[in-house]
């Protein structure tokens, strides 16, 4: 999974129209593609990135962000419950 180097979902969505700032984490080869949908996250507790934890799908065309979707989670005592994707 790619690490998206953005402090928040809002920060990521404000960068639509710009190149993606990311870090590769796969030991099996690059995951980044100039065109298509990429899945990634910001994991501040495990990567020392600053900001909030989130997971997102980013659609790229010619290395430019054209769409951002992120997962909404509901936290409860039994763990994390998936709610929906939000599109920007």
Protein backbone atom coordinates (compact mmCIF):
# COMPACT_ATOMS: atom_id res chain seq x y z
CA UNK A 1 0.00 0.00 0.00
CA UNK A 2 1.22 3.48 -0.81
CA UNK A 3 1.65 6.07 1.92
CA UNK A 4 -0.01 9.35 0.94
CA UNK A 5 2.08 12.19 2.37
CA UNK A 6 -0.81 14.48 3.33
CA UNK A 7 -1.82 15.53 6.84
CA UNK A 8 -5.54 14.92 6.34
CA UNK A 9 -8.25 13.85 3.90
CA UNK A 10 -8.97 17.53 3.34
CA UNK A 11 -5.32 18.22 2.53
CA UNK A 12 -5.30 15.36 0.00
CA UNK A 13 -8.55 16.47 -1.65
CA UNK A 14 -7.26 20.07 -1.92
CA UNK A 15 -4.45 18.72 -4.12
CA UNK A 16 -6.72 17.57 -6.96
CA UNK A 17 -5.11 18.82 -10.17
CA UNK A 18 -1.58 18.35 -8.79
CA UNK A 19 0.91 15.44 -8.79
CA UNK A 20 0.55 12.88 -5.96
CA UNK A 21 2.96 13.14 -3.01
CA UNK A 22 3.50 9.53 -1.92
CA UNK A 23 5.95 6.99 -0.50
CA UNK A 24 6.33 3.46 -1.87
CA UNK A 25 6.15 0.72 0.76
CA UNK A 26 6.01 -2.48 -1.31
CA UNK A 27 9.01 -4.77 -1.23
CA UNK A 28 7.67 -6.48 -4.38
CA UNK A 29 8.12 -3.54 -6.74
CA UNK A 30 6.54 -0.14 -7.32
CA UNK A 31 2.78 0.22 -6.87
CA UNK A 32 2.60 3.72 -8.34
CA UNK A 33 1.07 4.05 -11.82
CA UNK A 34 0.74 7.29 -13.80
CA UNK A 35 -2.84 6.39 -14.80
CA UNK A 36 -5.50 4.54 -12.84
CA UNK A 37 -6.69 4.08 -9.27
CA UNK A 38 -4.19 3.84 -6.40
CA UNK A 39 -5.04 2.79 -2.86
CA UNK A 40 -3.10 4.22 0.03
CA UNK A 41 -3.17 5.69 3.49
CA UNK A 42 -1.60 8.08 5.94
CA UNK A 43 -0.52 6.06 8.96
CA UNK A 44 1.01 8.59 11.36
CA UNK A 45 1.50 6.03 14.14
CA UNK A 46 3.51 3.59 12.04
CA UNK A 47 5.22 5.87 9.50
CA UNK A 48 5.93 8.96 11.59
CA UNK A 49 3.98 11.08 9.07
CA UNK A 50 2.24 13.96 10.76
CA UNK A 51 -1.52 14.34 10.69
CA UNK A 52 -4.59 12.11 10.86
CA UNK A 53 -4.94 8.49 9.86
CA UNK A 54 -6.98 7.85 6.71
CA UNK A 55 -7.33 5.42 3.82
CA UNK A 56 -8.09 6.63 0.29
CA UNK A 57 -8.43 5.75 -3.37
CA UNK A 58 -6.79 8.28 -5.67
CA UNK A 59 -7.48 8.34 -9.40
CA UNK A 60 -4.61 9.64 -11.53
CA UNK A 61 -4.41 10.65 -15.18
CA UNK A 62 -0.96 11.49 -16.58
CA UNK A 63 0.47 11.69 -13.02
CA UNK A 64 -2.18 14.25 -11.93
CA UNK A 65 -4.82 13.63 -9.23
CA UNK A 66 -8.27 13.82 -10.83
CA UNK A 67 -10.42 12.22 -8.10
CA UNK A 68 -10.14 11.24 -4.42
CA UNK A 69 -12.36 8.74 -2.57
CA UNK A 70 -11.86 7.81 1.04
CA UNK A 71 -13.30 5.24 3.38
CA UNK A 72 -15.49 6.40 6.22
CA UNK A 73 -15.20 4.28 9.34
CA UNK A 74 -17.36 4.13 12.41
CA UNK A 75 -15.53 3.25 15.60
CA UNK A 76 -17.33 1.16 18.20
CA UNK A 77 -16.38 -1.09 21.12
CA UNK A 78 -16.22 -4.16 18.88
CA UNK A 79 -13.75 -2.54 16.48
CA UNK A 80 -14.03 -0.60 13.26
CA UNK A 81 -17.12 -0.79 11.06
CA UNK A 82 -16.95 0.20 7.40
CA UNK A 83 -19.59 2.77 6.40
CA UNK A 84 -19.05 4.06 2.86
CA UNK A 85 -16.77 5.73 0.32
CA UNK A 86 -16.90 9.51 0.04
CA UNK A 87 -15.96 11.06 -3.30
CA UNK A 88 -14.27 14.42 -3.96
